[in-house]
Amino acid sequence: MNDTLKVIANRRSVRNYATPPLNEEEKDAILGAAMRAPTAGNLMLYSIIEIEDQALKDRLAVTCDNQPFIAKAPLLLLFAADYQRQFDIYTMSGAEEKSRQRGIDFRKPQVGDMLLACCDAVIAAQTAVLAAESLGIGSCYIGDILEQYETHRELLGLPPYVVPVALVCFGRPAVVKDEVRLTPRYDRKFIVHRDRYHSIDRLGMEEMLRPTVERAFPSEFRPEDVDEIAQRMFFRKFASDFAREMSRSVREMLKNWEE
């Protein structure tokens, strides 16, 4: 396994950071890597906001589902889907008048443009995460930035065609272990499909969740325990208050974007 694959294989979320801040060279390397990430049409449909103000960090630690470690992150980056910059360029260039001359509707950014920009932002974020990992700097994604859109839009001064996609904490791990304890993943055969999508059946569900069941219930494996684990996932993740708020918030993003 080469060094790049080792970085990918050993990366895990880090929420406890050592005191020394990142130096400018390290920050430049992380941001430089992010900006070399693949991007749709080379348009770079994202913006990166470095959160330095401690009061703002403290506020985000509360609005992002009360996670205090966010406020302690030596480097905090927001990756936002951004079609505002590109649309401003089109507007300033006279593209609207040129469209009228050609009999073409001068459309505004729509849902497809938003999704494309979201892809750009996430690709840039993950590239930054891997670059940081290669420097011995840990990271943690904060998905809760998708919640409370109205609050985050005001806090960060986001115009209509800019939406927060990923908030990422960076910092040196406070505790460095010789062996990394990796979070197990589902078996590849349930994730990687060939030629077309294949839905999971009951037997597949039991096989896929069996390692999780065996960690939760060390005694003899029972198929009914699979239902217990699946229901825990449902209530903890899918039916939770934060999941409902996330859906409400994203609907508001879409509404603001389209209107």
C-alpha atoms as a PDB file:
ATOM      1  CA  MET A   1       0.000   0.000   0.000  1.00  0.00           C
ATOM      2  CA  ASN A   2       1.487   3.361  -1.004  1.00  0.00           C
ATOM      3  CA  ASP A   3       1.560   6.439   1.242  1.00  0.00           C
ATOM      4  CA  THR A   4      -1.511   8.043  -0.316  1.00  0.00           C
ATOM      5  CA  LEU A   5      -3.639   4.937   0.237  1.00  0.00           C
ATOM      6  CA  LYS A   6      -2.352   4.697   3.814  1.00  0.00           C
ATOM      7  CA  VAL A   7      -3.497   8.268   4.476  1.00  0.00           C
ATOM      8  CA  ILE A   8      -6.959   7.450   3.095  1.00  0.00           C
ATOM      9  CA  ALA A   9      -7.201   4.137   4.963  1.00  0.00           C
ATOM     10  CA  ASN A  10      -6.108   5.520   8.342  1.00  0.00           C
ATOM     11  CA  ARG A  11      -8.086   8.761   8.370  1.00  0.00           C
ATOM     12  CA  ARG A  12     -10.698   9.051  11.115  1.00  0.00           C
ATOM     13  CA  SER A  13     -12.611  11.903  12.748  1.00  0.00           C
ATOM     14  CA  VAL A  14     -10.667  13.835  15.397  1.00  0.00           C
ATOM     15  CA  ARG A  15     -12.560  15.941  17.942  1.00  0.00           C
ATOM     16  CA  ASN A  16      -9.892  16.517  20.599  1.00  0.00           C
ATOM     17  CA  TYR A  17      -7.105  18.858  19.523  1.00  0.00           C
ATOM     18  CA  ALA A  18      -3.640  19.682  20.804  1.00  0.00           C
ATOM     19  CA  THR A  19      -3.054  23.303  21.825  1.00  0.00           C
ATOM     20  CA  PRO A  20      -0.474  24.475  19.237  1.00  0.00           C
ATOM     21  CA  PRO A  21      -2.195  26.272  16.336  1.00  0.00           C
ATOM     22  CA  LEU A  22      -1.553  25.380  12.734  1.00  0.00           C
ATOM     23  CA  ASN A  23       1.142  27.486  11.134  1.00  0.00           C
ATOM     24  CA  GLU A  24       0.607  29.487   7.959  1.00  0.00           C
ATOM     25  CA  GLU A  25       2.534  26.995   5.836  1.00  0.00           C
ATOM     26  CA  GLU A  26       0.192  24.195   6.932  1.00  0.00           C
ATOM     27  CA  LYS A  27      -2.889  26.321   6.302  1.00  0.00           C
ATOM     28  CA  ASP A  28      -1.598  27.254   2.864  1.00  0.00           C
ATOM     29  CA  ALA A  29      -0.976  23.597   2.038  1.00  0.00           C
ATOM     30  CA  ILE A  30      -4.507  22.577   3.077  1.00  0.00           C
ATOM     31  CA  LEU A  31      -6.188  25.426   1.204  1.00  0.00           C
ATOM     32  CA  GLY A  32      -3.931  24.963  -1.813  1.00  0.00           C
ATOM     33  CA  ALA A  33      -4.869  21.289  -2.015  1.00  0.00           C
ATOM     34  CA  ALA A  34      -8.570  22.137  -1.752  1.00  0.00           C
ATOM     35  CA  MET A  35      -8.298  24.540  -4.657  1.00  0.00           C
ATOM     36  CA  ARG A  36      -6.693  21.857  -6.826  1.00  0.00           C
ATOM     37  CA  ALA A  37      -9.698  19.573  -6.335  1.00  0.00           C
ATOM     38  CA  PRO A  38     -11.730  18.487  -9.370  1.00  0.00           C
ATOM     39  CA  THR A  39     -14.402  21.030 -10.257  1.00  0.00           C
ATOM     40  CA  ALA A  40     -17.258  21.192 -12.762  1.00  0.00           C
ATOM     41  CA  GLY A  41     -16.104  22.984 -15.900  1.00  0.00           C
ATOM     42  CA  ASN A  42     -13.199  24.480 -13.920  1.00  0.00           C
ATOM     43  CA  LEU A  43     -15.718  27.013 -12.533  1.00  0.00           C
ATOM     44  CA  MET A  44     -14.829  26.308  -8.866  1.00  0.00           C
ATOM     45  CA  LEU A  45     -18.444  26.641  -7.758  1.00  0.00           C
ATOM     46  CA  TYR A  46     -17.581  26.899  -4.066  1.00  0.00           C
ATOM     47  CA  SER A  47     -16.197  29.335  -1.532  1.00  0.00           C
ATOM     48  CA  ILE A  48     -14.188  28.580   1.595  1.00  0.00           C
ATOM     49  CA  ILE A  49     -14.720  30.741   4.667  1.00  0.00           C
ATOM     50  CA  GLU A  50     -12.067  30.500   7.368  1.00  0.00           C
ATOM     51  CA  ILE A  51     -13.721  31.103  10.737  1.00  0.00           C
ATOM     52  CA  GLU A  52     -11.187  32.920  12.931  1.00  0.00           C
ATOM     53  CA  ASP A  53     -13.357  35.061  15.240  1.00  0.00           C
ATOM     54  CA  GLN A  54     -13.673  33.213  18.546  1.00  0.00           C
ATOM     55  CA  ALA A  55     -17.141  34.609  19.229  1.00  0.00           C
ATOM     56  CA  LEU A  56     -18.295  33.229  15.878  1.00  0.00           C
ATOM     57  CA  LYS A  57     -16.705  29.850  16.640  1.00  0.00           C
ATOM     58  CA  ASP A  58     -18.496  29.801  19.975  1.00  0.00           C
ATOM     59  CA  ARG A  59     -21.787  30.594  18.277  1.00  0.00           C
ATOM     60  CA  LEU A  60     -21.366  27.870  15.654  1.00  0.00           C
ATOM     61  CA  ALA A  61     -20.559  25.362  18.389  1.00  0.00           C
ATOM     62  CA  VAL A  62     -24.070  26.044  19.712  1.00  0.00           C
ATOM     63  CA  THR A  63     -25.994  26.307  16.433  1.00  0.00           C
ATOM     64  CA  CYS A  64     -24.373  23.122  15.118  1.00  0.00           C
ATOM     65  CA  ASP A  65     -26.139  20.906  17.647  1.00  0.00           C
ATOM     66  CA  ASN A  66     -24.163  22.005  20.738  1.00  0.00           C
ATOM     67  CA  GLN A  67     -20.729  20.534  20.012  1.00  0.00           C
ATOM     68  CA  PRO A  68     -18.160  22.449  22.152  1.00  0.00           C
ATOM     69  CA  PHE A  69     -15.126  21.023  20.356  1.00  0.00           C
ATOM     70  CA  ILE A  70     -16.010  23.149  17.314  1.00  0.00           C
ATOM     71  CA  ALA A  71     -15.074  26.275  19.261  1.00  0.00           C
ATOM     72  CA  LYS A  72     -11.684  24.761  20.132  1.00  0.00           C
ATOM     73  CA  ALA A  73     -10.666  23.777  16.589  1.00  0.00           C
ATOM     74  CA  PRO A  74      -7.364  25.453  15.619  1.00  0.00           C
ATOM     75  CA  LEU A  75      -8.648  25.760  12.041  1.00  0.00           C
ATOM     76  CA  LEU A  76     -12.334  25.928  11.129  1.00  0.00           C
ATOM     77  CA  LEU A  77     -13.327  26.029   7.452  1.00  0.00           C
ATOM     78  CA  LEU A  78     -16.776  26.355   5.945  1.00  0.00           C
ATOM     79  CA  PHE A  79     -17.117  24.941   2.432  1.00  0.00           C
ATOM     80  CA  ALA A  80     -20.083  26.578   0.726  1.00  0.00           C
ATOM     81  CA  ALA A  81     -21.740  25.841  -2.595  1.00  0.00           C
ATOM     82  CA  ASP A  82     -21.349  29.135  -4.448  1.00  0.00           C
ATOM     83  CA  TYR A  83     -23.070  30.082  -7.689  1.00  0.00           C
ATOM     84  CA  GLN A  84     -23.305  33.727  -6.630  1.00  0.00           C
ATOM     85  CA  ARG A  85     -19.807  34.577  -7.826  1.00  0.00           C
ATOM     86  CA  GLN A  86     -20.325  32.981 -11.218  1.00  0.00           C
ATOM     87  CA  PHE A  87     -23.756  34.559 -11.689  1.00  0.00           C
ATOM     88  CA  ASP A  88     -22.336  37.964 -10.729  1.00  0.00           C
ATOM     89  CA  ILE A  89     -19.690  37.475 -13.418  1.00  0.00           C
ATOM     90  CA  TYR A  90     -22.366  36.708 -15.993  1.00  0.00           C
ATOM     91  CA  THR A  91     -24.384  39.750 -14.963  1.00  0.00           C
ATOM     92  CA  MET A  92     -21.428  42.144 -14.994  1.00  0.00           C
ATOM     93  CA  SER A  93     -20.259  40.857 -18.376  1.00  0.00           C
ATOM     94  CA  GLY A  94     -23.465  41.900 -20.124  1.00  0.00           C
ATOM     95  CA  ALA A  95     -24.624  38.320 -20.696  1.00  0.00           C
ATOM     96  CA  GLU A  96     -28.223  39.333 -19.983  1.00  0.00           C
ATOM     97  CA  GLU A  97     -28.323  41.857 -22.842  1.00  0.00           C
ATOM     98  CA  LYS A  98     -26.503  39.440 -25.139  1.00  0.00           C
ATOM     99  CA  SER A  99     -29.120  36.782 -24.289  1.00  0.00           C
ATOM    100  CA  ARG A 100     -31.929  39.135 -25.316  1.00  0.00           C
ATOM    101  CA  GLN A 101     -30.173  39.843 -28.597  1.00  0.00           C
ATOM    102  CA  ARG A 102     -29.997  36.122 -29.283  1.00  0.00           C
ATOM    103  CA  GLY A 103     -33.571  35.456 -28.165  1.00  0.00           C
ATOM    104  CA  ILE A 104     -32.416  33.314 -25.243  1.00  0.00           C
ATOM    105  CA  ASP A 105     -33.912  33.451 -21.752  1.00  0.00           C
ATOM    106  CA  PHE A 106     -31.441  34.851 -19.222  1.00  0.00           C
ATOM    107  CA  ARG A 107     -32.112  32.275 -16.531  1.00  0.00           C
ATOM    108  CA  LYS A 108     -31.033  32.491 -12.925  1.00  0.00           C
ATOM    109  CA  PRO A 109     -29.310  29.651 -11.028  1.00  0.00           C
ATOM    110  CA  GLN A 110     -31.699  26.744 -10.457  1.00  0.00           C
ATOM    111  CA  VAL A 111     -31.753  23.545  -8.428  1.00  0.00           C
ATOM    112  CA  GLY A 112     -29.453  21.663 -10.795  1.00  0.00           C
ATOM    113  CA  ASP A 113     -26.882  24.452 -10.506  1.00  0.00           C
ATOM    114  CA  MET A 114     -27.126  24.245  -6.722  1.00  0.00           C
ATOM    115  CA  LEU A 115     -26.508  20.495  -6.707  1.00  0.00           C
ATOM    116  CA  LEU A 116     -23.528  20.886  -9.025  1.00  0.00           C
ATOM    117  CA  ALA A 117     -22.070  23.549  -6.732  1.00  0.00           C
ATOM    118  CA  CYS A 118     -22.663  21.305  -3.711  1.00  0.00           C
ATOM    119  CA  CYS A 119     -20.635  18.568  -5.424  1.00  0.00           C
ATOM    120  CA  ASP A 120     -17.795  21.029  -6.050  1.00  0.00           C
ATOM    121  CA  ALA A 121     -17.813  22.127  -2.407  1.00  0.00           C
ATOM    122  CA  VAL A 122     -17.764  18.589  -0.995  1.00  0.00           C
ATOM    123  CA  ILE A 123     -14.972  17.481  -3.350  1.00  0.00           C
ATOM    124  CA  ALA A 124     -12.887  20.480  -2.256  1.00  0.00           C
ATOM    125  CA  ALA A 125     -13.598  19.729   1.405  1.00  0.00           C
ATOM    126  CA  GLN A 126     -12.526  16.101   1.159  1.00  0.00           C
ATOM    127  CA  THR A 127      -9.369  17.054  -0.716  1.00  0.00           C
ATOM    128  CA  ALA A 128      -8.533  19.464   2.123  1.00  0.00           C
ATOM    129  CA  VAL A 129      -9.216  16.726   4.677  1.00  0.00           C
ATOM    130  CA  LEU A 130      -6.838  14.280   2.995  1.00  0.00           C
ATOM    131  CA  ALA A 131      -4.159  16.943   2.596  1.00  0.00           C
ATOM    132  CA  ALA A 132      -4.422  17.713   6.298  1.00  0.00           C
ATOM    133  CA  GLU A 133      -4.238  14.026   7.192  1.00  0.00           C
ATOM    134  CA  SER A 134      -1.030  13.695   5.202  1.00  0.00           C
ATOM    135  CA  LEU A 135       0.459  16.468   7.378  1.00  0.00           C
ATOM    136  CA  GLY A 136      -0.545  14.736  10.609  1.00  0.00           C
ATOM    137  CA  ILE A 137      -3.480  17.104  11.106  1.00  0.00           C
ATOM    138  CA  GLY A 138      -6.802  15.568  12.063  1.00  0.00           C
ATOM    139  CA  SER A 139     -10.252  16.701  10.937  1.00  0.00           C
ATOM    140  CA  CYS A 140     -13.946  16.302  11.617  1.00  0.00           C
ATOM    141  CA  TYR A 141     -16.917  17.071   9.382  1.00  0.00           C
ATOM    142  CA  ILE A 142     -19.834  18.927  10.960  1.00  0.00           C
ATOM    143  CA  GLY A 143     -22.969  17.965   9.052  1.00  0.00           C
ATOM    144  CA  ASP A 144     -25.085  20.085  11.390  1.00  0.00           C
ATOM    145  CA  ILE A 145     -24.120  23.180   9.391  1.00  0.00           C
ATOM    146  CA  LEU A 146     -27.035  22.137   7.158  1.00  0.00           C
ATOM    147  CA  GLU A 147     -29.386  22.998  10.015  1.00  0.00           C
ATOM    148  CA  GLN A 148     -30.611  26.473  11.061  1.00  0.00           C
ATOM    149  CA  TYR A 149     -30.014  27.941   7.611  1.00  0.00           C
ATOM    150  CA  GLU A 150     -31.527  31.328   8.432  1.00  0.00           C
ATOM    151  CA  THR A 151     -29.176  31.750  11.414  1.00  0.00           C
ATOM    152  CA  HIS A 152     -26.077  30.620   9.534  1.00  0.00           C
ATOM    153  CA  ARG A 153     -26.940  32.759   6.518  1.00  0.00           C
ATOM    154  CA  GLU A 154     -27.047  35.831   8.756  1.00  0.00           C
ATOM    155  CA  LEU A 155     -23.985  34.904  10.814  1.00  0.00           C
ATOM    156  CA  LEU A 156     -21.827  34.337   7.739  1.00  0.00           C
ATOM    157  CA  GLY A 157     -23.319  36.950   5.415  1.00  0.00           C
ATOM    158  CA  LEU A 158     -24.332  34.433   2.764  1.00  0.00           C
ATOM    159  CA  PRO A 159     -26.047  35.825  -0.365  1.00  0.00           C
ATOM    160  CA  PRO A 160     -28.916  33.889  -2.050  1.00  0.00           C
ATOM    161  CA  TYR A 161     -26.788  31.675  -4.277  1.00  0.00           C
ATOM    162  CA  VAL A 162     -24.369  30.587  -1.532  1.00  0.00           C
ATOM    163  CA  VAL A 163     -25.370  27.772   0.835  1.00  0.00           C
ATOM    164  CA  PRO A 164     -23.324  26.082   3.584  1.00  0.00           C
ATOM    165  CA  VAL A 165     -22.478  22.494   2.709  1.00  0.00           C
ATOM    166  CA  ALA A 166     -19.678  21.298   5.006  1.00  0.00           C
ATOM    167  CA  LEU A 167     -18.100  22.752   8.126  1.00  0.00           C
ATOM    168  CA  VAL A 168     -14.766  21.081   8.874  1.00  0.00           C
ATOM    169  CA  CYS A 169     -12.641  21.268  12.029  1.00  0.00           C
ATOM    170  CA  PHE A 170      -8.875  20.809  11.684  1.00  0.00           C
ATOM    171  CA  GLY A 171      -6.239  20.319  14.364  1.00  0.00           C
ATOM    172  CA  ARG A 172      -3.458  18.078  15.597  1.00  0.00           C
ATOM    173  CA  PRO A 173      -4.836  15.139  17.567  1.00  0.00           C
ATOM    174  CA  ALA A 174      -4.431  15.647  21.316  1.00  0.00           C
ATOM    175  CA  VAL A 175      -3.768  11.933  21.743  1.00  0.00           C
ATOM    176  CA  VAL A 176      -1.684  10.094  19.173  1.00  0.00           C
ATOM    177  CA  LYS A 177      -2.029   6.333  19.309  1.00  0.00           C
ATOM    178  CA  ASP A 178       0.343   3.843  17.746  1.00  0.00           C
ATOM    179  CA  GLU A 179      -2.556   1.953  16.230  1.00  0.00           C
ATOM    180  CA  VAL A 180      -5.496   3.783  14.732  1.00  0.00           C
ATOM    181  CA  ARG A 181      -8.876   2.419  15.781  1.00  0.00           C
ATOM    182  CA  LEU A 182     -10.870   2.657  12.604  1.00  0.00           C
ATOM    183  CA  THR A 183     -14.644   2.752  12.496  1.00  0.00           C
ATOM    184  CA  PRO A 184     -15.777  -0.400  10.655  1.00  0.00           C
ATOM    185  CA  ARG A 185     -17.581  -0.047   7.343  1.00  0.00           C
ATOM    186  CA  TYR A 186     -20.172  -2.238   5.654  1.00  0.00           C
ATOM    187  CA  ASP A 187     -18.832  -5.034   3.502  1.00  0.00           C
ATOM    188  CA  ARG A 188     -17.976  -3.890  -0.001  1.00  0.00           C
ATOM    189  CA  LYS A 189     -20.491  -6.153  -1.685  1.00  0.00           C
ATOM    190  CA  PHE A 190     -23.327  -4.104  -0.185  1.00  0.00           C
ATOM    191  CA  ILE A 191     -21.880  -0.800  -1.402  1.00  0.00           C
ATOM    192  CA  VAL A 192     -20.225  -1.547  -4.752  1.00  0.00           C
ATOM    193  CA  HIS A 193     -22.696  -2.609  -7.467  1.00  0.00           C
ATOM    194  CA  ARG A 194     -21.946  -3.900 -10.929  1.00  0.00           C
ATOM    195  CA  ASP A 195     -23.677  -2.460 -14.001  1.00  0.00           C
ATOM    196  CA  ARG A 196     -26.885  -1.564 -12.145  1.00  0.00           C
ATOM    197  CA  TYR A 197     -28.267  -0.942  -8.674  1.00  0.00           C
ATOM    198  CA  HIS A 198     -29.246  -3.966  -6.591  1.00  0.00           C
ATOM    199  CA  SER A 199     -31.723  -3.552  -3.725  1.00  0.00           C
ATOM    200  CA  ILE A 200     -31.036  -5.259  -0.403  1.00  0.00           C
ATOM    201  CA  ASP A 201     -33.256  -8.121   0.820  1.00  0.00           C
ATOM    202  CA  ARG A 202     -33.838  -9.422   4.344  1.00  0.00           C
ATOM    203  CA  LEU A 203     -30.960 -11.903   4.253  1.00  0.00           C
ATOM    204  CA  GLY A 204     -28.675  -9.200   2.893  1.00  0.00           C
ATOM    205  CA  MET A 205     -29.767  -6.834   5.663  1.00  0.00           C
ATOM    206  CA  GLU A 206     -28.969  -9.426   8.318  1.00  0.00           C
ATOM    207  CA  GLU A 207     -25.551 -10.096   6.819  1.00  0.00           C
ATOM    208  CA  MET A 208     -24.731  -6.416   6.374  1.00  0.00           C
ATOM    209  CA  LEU A 209     -25.682  -5.456   9.935  1.00  0.00           C
ATOM    210  CA  ARG A 210     -24.308  -8.591  11.601  1.00  0.00           C
ATOM    211  CA  PRO A 211     -20.936  -7.036  12.651  1.00  0.00           C
ATOM    212  CA  THR A 212     -22.814  -4.131  14.243  1.00  0.00           C
ATOM    213  CA  VAL A 213     -25.186  -6.519  16.017  1.00  0.00           C
ATOM    214  CA  GLU A 214     -22.323  -8.640  17.337  1.00  0.00           C
ATOM    215  CA  ARG A 215     -20.646  -5.560  18.832  1.00  0.00           C
ATOM    216  CA  ALA A 216     -23.880  -4.472  20.500  1.00  0.00           C
ATOM    217  CA  PHE A 217     -25.004  -7.950  21.599  1.00  0.00           C
ATOM    218  CA  PRO A 218     -21.915 -10.096  22.370  1.00  0.00           C
ATOM    219  CA  SER A 219     -24.033 -13.197  23.001  1.00  0.00           C
ATOM    220  CA  GLU A 220     -25.169 -15.587  20.284  1.00  0.00           C
ATOM    221  CA  PHE A 221     -26.329 -13.866  17.110  1.00  0.00           C
ATOM    222  CA  ARG A 222     -30.114 -13.578  16.744  1.00  0.00           C
ATOM    223  CA  PRO A 223     -31.798 -12.255  13.588  1.00  0.00           C
ATOM    224  CA  GLU A 224     -34.279 -10.289  15.703  1.00  0.00           C
ATOM    225  CA  ASP A 225     -31.385  -8.249  17.094  1.00  0.00           C
ATOM    226  CA  VAL A 226     -30.905  -6.908  13.554  1.00  0.00           C
ATOM    227  CA  ASP A 227     -34.301  -5.243  13.809  1.00  0.00           C
ATOM    228  CA  GLU A 228     -33.308  -3.707  17.138  1.00  0.00           C
ATOM    229  CA  ILE A 229     -30.149  -2.202  15.613  1.00  0.00           C
ATOM    230  CA  ALA A 230     -32.015  -0.930  12.543  1.00  0.00           C
ATOM    231  CA  GLN A 231     -34.660   0.676  14.749  1.00  0.00           C
ATOM    232  CA  ARG A 232     -31.974   2.347  16.851  1.00  0.00           C
ATOM    233  CA  MET A 233     -30.535   3.837  13.676  1.00  0.00           C
ATOM    234  CA  PHE A 234     -33.985   4.999  12.632  1.00  0.00           C
ATOM    235  CA  PHE A 235     -34.786   6.833  15.848  1.00  0.00           C
ATOM    236  CA  ARG A 236     -31.269   8.152  16.497  1.00  0.00           C
ATOM    237  CA  LYS A 237     -30.545   9.405  12.973  1.00  0.00           C
ATOM    238  CA  PHE A 238     -33.502   9.414  10.601  1.00  0.00           C
ATOM    239  CA  ALA A 239     -36.398  10.301  12.918  1.00  0.00           C
ATOM    240  CA  SER A 240     -34.403  12.553  15.244  1.00  0.00           C
ATOM    241  CA  ASP A 241     -35.098  16.212  15.896  1.00  0.00           C
ATOM    242  CA  PHE A 242     -31.861  17.261  14.177  1.00  0.00           C
ATOM    243  CA  ALA A 243     -32.752  15.275  11.046  1.00  0.00           C
ATOM    244  CA  ARG A 244     -36.144  16.971  10.876  1.00  0.00           C
ATOM    245  CA  GLU A 245     -34.534  20.373  11.354  1.00  0.00           C
ATOM    246  CA  MET A 246     -31.979  19.595   8.647  1.00  0.00           C
ATOM    247  CA  SER A 247     -34.741  18.801   6.152  1.00  0.00           C
ATOM    248  CA  ARG A 248     -36.618  21.976   7.084  1.00  0.00           C
ATOM    249  CA  SER A 249     -33.448  24.026   6.763  1.00  0.00           C
ATOM    250  CA  VAL A 250     -32.529  22.584   3.363  1.00  0.00           C
ATOM    251  CA  ARG A 251     -36.044  23.296   2.085  1.00  0.00           C
ATOM    252  CA  GLU A 252     -35.479  26.914   3.121  1.00  0.00           C
ATOM    253  CA  MET A 253     -32.153  26.927   1.240  1.00  0.00           C
ATOM    254  CA  LEU A 254     -33.904  25.690  -1.900  1.00  0.00           C
ATOM    255  CA  LYS A 255     -36.712  28.215  -1.506  1.00  0.00           C
ATOM    256  CA  ASN A 256     -34.279  31.097  -1.043  1.00  0.00           C
ATOM    257  CA  TRP A 257     -32.149  29.906  -3.980  1.00  0.00           C
ATOM    258  CA  GLU A 258     -35.072  29.615  -6.403  1.00  0.00           C
ATOM    259  CA  GLU A 259     -36.856  32.812  -5.366  1.00  0.00           C
END
